[in-house]
N, C-alpha and C. Protein backbone atom coordinates (compact mmCIF):
# COMPACT_ATOMS: atom_id res chain seq x y z
N UNK A 1 93.60 117.55 85.70
CA UNK A 1 93.51 115.69 85.74
C UNK A 1 94.33 115.33 86.38
N UNK A 2 93.58 114.59 86.70
CA UNK A 2 93.99 112.76 87.62
C UNK A 2 95.60 112.16 86.59
N UNK A 3 96.77 111.55 87.14
CA UNK A 3 97.41 111.14 86.63
C UNK A 3 97.12 109.66 86.72
N UNK A 4 97.03 108.04 85.65
CA UNK A 4 97.22 107.11 85.95
C UNK A 4 97.98 106.23 85.08
N UNK A 5 98.28 105.49 85.96
CA UNK A 5 99.71 104.39 85.79
C UNK A 5 99.29 103.03 84.68
N UNK A 6 99.62 102.87 84.31
CA UNK A 6 98.84 101.87 83.22
C UNK A 6 100.12 100.72 82.73
N UNK A 7 100.22 99.41 83.01
CA UNK A 7 101.88 98.60 83.13
C UNK A 7 101.27 97.35 82.37
N UNK A 8 101.59 97.26 81.45
CA UNK A 8 101.70 95.56 80.86
C UNK A 8 101.56 94.70 81.30
N UNK A 9 101.04 93.61 81.25
CA UNK A 9 101.39 92.93 82.26
C UNK A 9 100.81 91.19 81.87
N UNK A 10 100.52 91.40 80.44
CA UNK A 10 100.44 90.07 79.96
C UNK A 10 100.86 90.41 78.52
N UNK A 11 101.26 89.44 77.36
CA UNK A 11 101.61 89.50 76.37
C UNK A 11 100.60 89.80 75.50
N UNK A 12 100.60 90.74 74.09
CA UNK A 12 100.30 90.66 72.88
C UNK A 12 100.03 89.28 71.81
N UNK A 13 100.93 88.86 72.19
CA UNK A 13 101.43 87.75 71.18
C UNK A 13 99.95 86.61 71.22
N UNK A 14 99.30 86.77 69.82
CA UNK A 14 98.27 86.30 69.27
C UNK A 14 96.94 86.42 69.87
N UNK A 15 97.08 88.02 70.21
CA UNK A 15 95.96 88.42 70.02
C UNK A 15 95.55 89.16 68.78
N UNK A 16 94.32 89.71 68.74
CA UNK A 16 93.60 91.05 67.32
C UNK A 16 94.31 91.68 67.26
N UNK A 17 94.50 92.03 66.27
CA UNK A 17 95.46 93.07 65.70
C UNK A 17 95.37 94.43 66.15
N UNK A 18 93.51 94.65 66.30
CA UNK A 18 93.02 96.02 66.83
C UNK A 18 93.28 96.11 68.21
N UNK A 19 93.69 95.12 69.08
CA UNK A 19 94.15 94.84 70.75
C UNK A 19 95.77 95.42 70.46
N UNK A 20 96.56 95.06 69.68
CA UNK A 20 97.94 94.75 69.74
C UNK A 20 98.28 96.35 69.15
N UNK A 21 97.40 96.94 68.11
CA UNK A 21 97.55 98.62 67.61
C UNK A 21 97.36 99.21 68.98
N UNK A 22 96.12 99.02 69.89
CA UNK A 22 95.84 99.85 71.16
C UNK A 22 96.78 100.00 72.26
N UNK A 23 97.49 98.56 72.17
CA UNK A 23 98.94 98.71 73.48
C UNK A 23 99.60 99.09 73.06
N UNK A 24 100.36 99.50 71.68
CA UNK A 24 101.06 100.40 71.03
C UNK A 24 100.49 101.94 71.26
N UNK A 25 99.41 102.05 71.29
CA UNK A 25 99.24 104.00 71.37
C UNK A 25 98.61 103.98 72.20
N UNK A 26 99.00 103.19 73.51
CA UNK A 26 99.54 103.72 75.13
C UNK A 26 100.53 103.80 75.24
N UNK A 27 101.38 103.35 74.13
CA UNK A 27 103.19 103.46 74.91
C UNK A 27 103.64 102.71 75.47
N UNK A 28 102.53 101.14 75.38
CA UNK A 28 103.42 99.71 76.20
C UNK A 28 103.76 98.73 75.00
N UNK A 29 105.69 98.90 74.82
CA UNK A 29 105.63 98.31 73.65
C UNK A 29 106.94 96.36 74.88
N UNK A 30 106.57 96.62 75.94
CA UNK A 30 107.84 95.80 76.01
C UNK A 30 107.19 95.18 77.59
N UNK A 31 106.53 93.95 78.33
CA UNK A 31 106.38 93.20 79.18
C UNK A 31 106.70 94.10 80.50
N UNK A 32 106.07 94.34 81.50
CA UNK A 32 106.17 95.35 82.28
C UNK A 32 106.77 96.75 82.11
N UNK A 33 105.89 97.15 81.23
CA UNK A 33 106.81 98.77 81.37
C UNK A 33 105.65 99.55 81.77
N UNK A 34 105.86 100.20 82.64
CA UNK A 34 104.62 101.46 82.93
C UNK A 34 104.46 102.77 82.56
N UNK A 35 103.69 103.09 81.86
CA UNK A 35 103.60 104.26 81.38
C UNK A 35 102.74 105.49 82.48
N UNK A 36 102.73 106.31 82.46
CA UNK A 36 102.09 107.63 83.09
C UNK A 36 100.68 107.98 82.16
N UNK A 37 99.53 108.74 82.55
CA UNK A 37 98.78 109.30 81.20
C UNK A 37 97.14 110.02 81.95
N UNK A 38 96.69 111.02 81.32
CA UNK A 38 95.82 111.71 81.54
C UNK A 38 94.70 111.11 81.57
N UNK A 39 93.92 110.80 82.88
CA UNK A 39 93.23 110.02 82.78
C UNK A 39 92.19 111.64 82.44
N UNK A 40 91.22 110.99 81.05
CA UNK A 40 90.43 111.11 80.07
C UNK A 40 89.67 110.26 79.92
N UNK A 41 88.49 110.73 79.05
CA UNK A 41 87.48 109.49 78.65
C UNK A 41 87.87 108.68 77.46
N UNK A 42 88.35 108.97 76.48
CA UNK A 42 89.44 108.78 75.31
C UNK A 42 90.55 107.55 76.12
N UNK A 43 90.91 107.77 76.94
CA UNK A 43 92.15 107.48 77.44
C UNK A 43 91.34 106.05 78.45
N UNK A 44 90.66 106.15 79.19
CA UNK A 44 89.24 105.04 79.75
C UNK A 44 89.10 104.04 78.79
N UNK A 45 88.68 104.30 77.43
CA UNK A 45 88.06 103.79 76.58
C UNK A 45 89.11 103.36 75.93
N UNK A 46 90.68 103.47 76.03
CA UNK A 46 91.00 102.39 75.51
C UNK A 46 91.70 101.23 76.56
N UNK A 47 91.81 101.79 77.86
CA UNK A 47 92.20 100.74 78.86
C UNK A 47 91.15 99.74 78.77
N UNK A 48 89.31 100.31 78.48
CA UNK A 48 88.66 99.01 78.67
C UNK A 48 88.71 98.32 77.84
N UNK A 49 89.26 98.52 76.63
CA UNK A 49 89.62 97.57 74.96
C UNK A 49 90.30 96.79 75.47
N UNK A 50 91.43 96.81 76.32
CA UNK A 50 92.83 95.87 76.86
C UNK A 50 92.56 95.64 77.78
N UNK A 51 92.01 95.52 78.85
CA UNK A 51 91.73 95.19 80.16
C UNK A 51 91.85 94.39 80.62
N UNK A 52 92.03 93.16 79.69
CA UNK A 52 92.49 91.49 80.33
C UNK A 52 94.03 91.99 79.98
N UNK A 53 94.65 92.89 79.70
CA UNK A 53 96.36 92.92 79.26
C UNK A 53 96.84 93.99 80.05
N UNK A 54 96.36 94.32 80.94
CA UNK A 54 96.90 95.48 81.63
C UNK A 54 96.61 95.73 83.05
N UNK A 55 97.44 96.72 83.54
CA UNK A 55 96.89 96.61 85.07
C UNK A 55 96.80 98.49 85.52
N UNK A 56 95.81 98.58 85.87
CA UNK A 56 95.59 100.27 85.81
C UNK A 56 95.96 100.58 87.26
N UNK A 57 96.33 101.87 87.25
CA UNK A 57 97.00 102.15 89.15
C UNK A 57 96.53 103.51 89.20
N UNK A 58 95.44 104.13 89.75
CA UNK A 58 95.28 104.87 90.05
C UNK A 58 96.09 106.31 91.33
N UNK A 59 96.63 107.23 90.74
CA UNK A 59 97.70 107.84 91.90
C UNK A 59 96.68 109.08 92.54
């Protein structure tokens, strides 16, 4: 499967707890941190939930 890089570009301060939990589940805990994940439907669902907070880069 393809790898996808996700970067936290906006703060989770003031966001609902469900969005904070989703960002944490993606492995993002600091601003501008980048993690790499497999491109799966479950991963795409998580990214869609917090799309306004992250930037996605496909390799």
